[in-house]
Amino acid sequence: MIINEAELKRLIRDAVYEALTNYKVEPESYLSIDEVSELLGLGRSTVIRLIREKGLPILRIGALIRIRRSSLEEWLEKQESVSEVWK
């Protein structure tokens, strides 16, 4: 099958348009202490202790404390690799 340059450009343009149309960027989500508590199945005081003693990263917005979901996931992965020492 032979296609001309104009047809090739149209095919590429259509493919790029479709890819960009279907590409969705999820906004970064921020969790409250209660949401982290529920997500991890821990008590609220335990999450606060993890923040104070274990370095769970937080973001302060005035009096509010929020935890970026991606930071929580990264922190949990680091905790998992540290716990392998005890095996």
Protein backbone atom coordinates (compact mmCIF):
# COMPACT_ATOMS: atom_id res chain seq x y z
CA MET A 1 0.00 0.00 0.00
CA ILE A 2 1.42 3.34 -1.02
CA ILE A 3 0.18 6.57 0.54
CA ASN A 4 1.08 10.08 -0.41
CA GLU A 5 2.62 12.70 1.86
CA ALA A 6 -0.67 14.52 2.52
CA GLU A 7 -2.37 11.28 3.58
CA LEU A 8 0.56 10.40 5.86
CA LYS A 9 0.40 13.85 7.51
CA ARG A 10 -3.34 13.46 8.02
CA LEU A 11 -2.89 10.04 9.63
CA ILE A 12 -0.20 11.37 11.96
CA ARG A 13 -2.28 14.45 12.86
CA ASP A 14 -5.33 12.29 13.59
CA ALA A 15 -3.29 9.88 15.73
CA VAL A 16 -1.73 12.72 17.74
CA TYR A 17 -5.12 14.40 18.20
CA GLU A 18 -6.67 11.16 19.43
CA ALA A 19 -3.80 10.51 21.84
CA LEU A 20 -4.02 14.02 23.29
CA THR A 21 -7.80 13.87 23.55
CA ASN A 22 -7.65 10.62 25.53
CA TYR A 23 -4.79 11.80 27.77
CA LYS A 24 -6.11 12.87 31.13
CA VAL A 25 -3.95 14.33 33.86
CA GLU A 26 -5.22 13.54 37.31
CA PRO A 27 -4.76 16.43 39.70
CA GLU A 28 -2.59 15.77 42.72
CA SER A 29 -4.75 14.77 45.62
CA TYR A 30 -4.24 15.88 49.20
CA LEU A 31 -5.52 13.89 52.15
CA SER A 32 -6.52 14.90 55.65
CA ILE A 33 -5.20 13.04 58.68
CA ASP A 34 -8.60 11.33 58.99
CA GLU A 35 -8.49 10.22 55.33
CA VAL A 36 -4.97 8.81 55.77
CA SER A 37 -6.13 7.10 58.95
CA GLU A 38 -9.03 5.46 57.12
CA LEU A 39 -6.93 4.60 54.07
CA LEU A 40 -4.28 2.83 56.15
CA GLY A 41 -6.66 1.37 58.71
CA LEU A 42 -4.91 3.18 61.56
CA GLY A 43 -6.14 5.40 64.34
CA ARG A 44 -5.87 9.16 64.02
CA SER A 45 -3.37 9.33 66.88
CA THR A 46 -1.18 6.73 65.17
CA VAL A 47 -1.06 8.82 61.98
CA ILE A 48 -0.10 11.87 64.05
CA ARG A 49 2.65 9.82 65.71
CA LEU A 50 3.91 8.73 62.27
CA ILE A 51 4.12 12.39 61.31
CA ARG A 52 5.98 13.38 64.49
CA GLU A 53 8.24 10.38 64.98
CA LYS A 54 8.63 8.68 61.63
CA GLY A 55 8.77 11.63 59.24
CA LEU A 56 5.51 11.16 57.35
CA PRO A 57 5.61 14.28 55.15
CA ILE A 58 2.88 16.88 55.57
CA LEU A 59 1.86 20.18 54.05
CA ARG A 60 0.57 22.91 56.36
CA ILE A 61 -2.03 25.30 55.01
CA GLY A 62 -2.73 27.63 57.90
CA ALA A 63 -4.04 25.39 60.66
CA LEU A 64 -4.84 22.55 58.23
CA ILE A 65 -2.55 19.61 57.72
CA ARG A 66 -2.66 17.81 54.39
CA ILE A 67 -0.69 14.86 53.12
CA ARG A 68 0.01 14.57 49.41
CA ARG A 69 -1.09 11.13 48.21
CA SER A 70 2.07 10.67 46.15
CA SER A 71 4.25 11.59 49.16
CA LEU A 72 2.35 9.09 51.31
CA GLU A 73 2.91 6.35 48.72
CA GLU A 74 6.64 7.16 48.48
CA TRP A 75 6.97 7.22 52.28
CA LEU A 76 5.20 3.87 52.57
CA GLU A 77 7.55 2.32 49.99
CA LYS A 78 10.56 3.52 51.99
CA GLN A 79 9.07 2.05 55.16
CA GLU A 80 8.57 -1.24 53.40
CA SER A 81 12.21 -1.45 52.31
CA VAL A 82 13.41 -0.55 55.81
CA SER A 83 11.27 -3.30 57.35
CA GLU A 84 12.99 -5.93 55.17
CA VAL A 85 16.03 -5.61 57.46
CA TRP A 86 14.10 -7.49 60.16
CA LYS A 87 13.64 -10.61 58.04
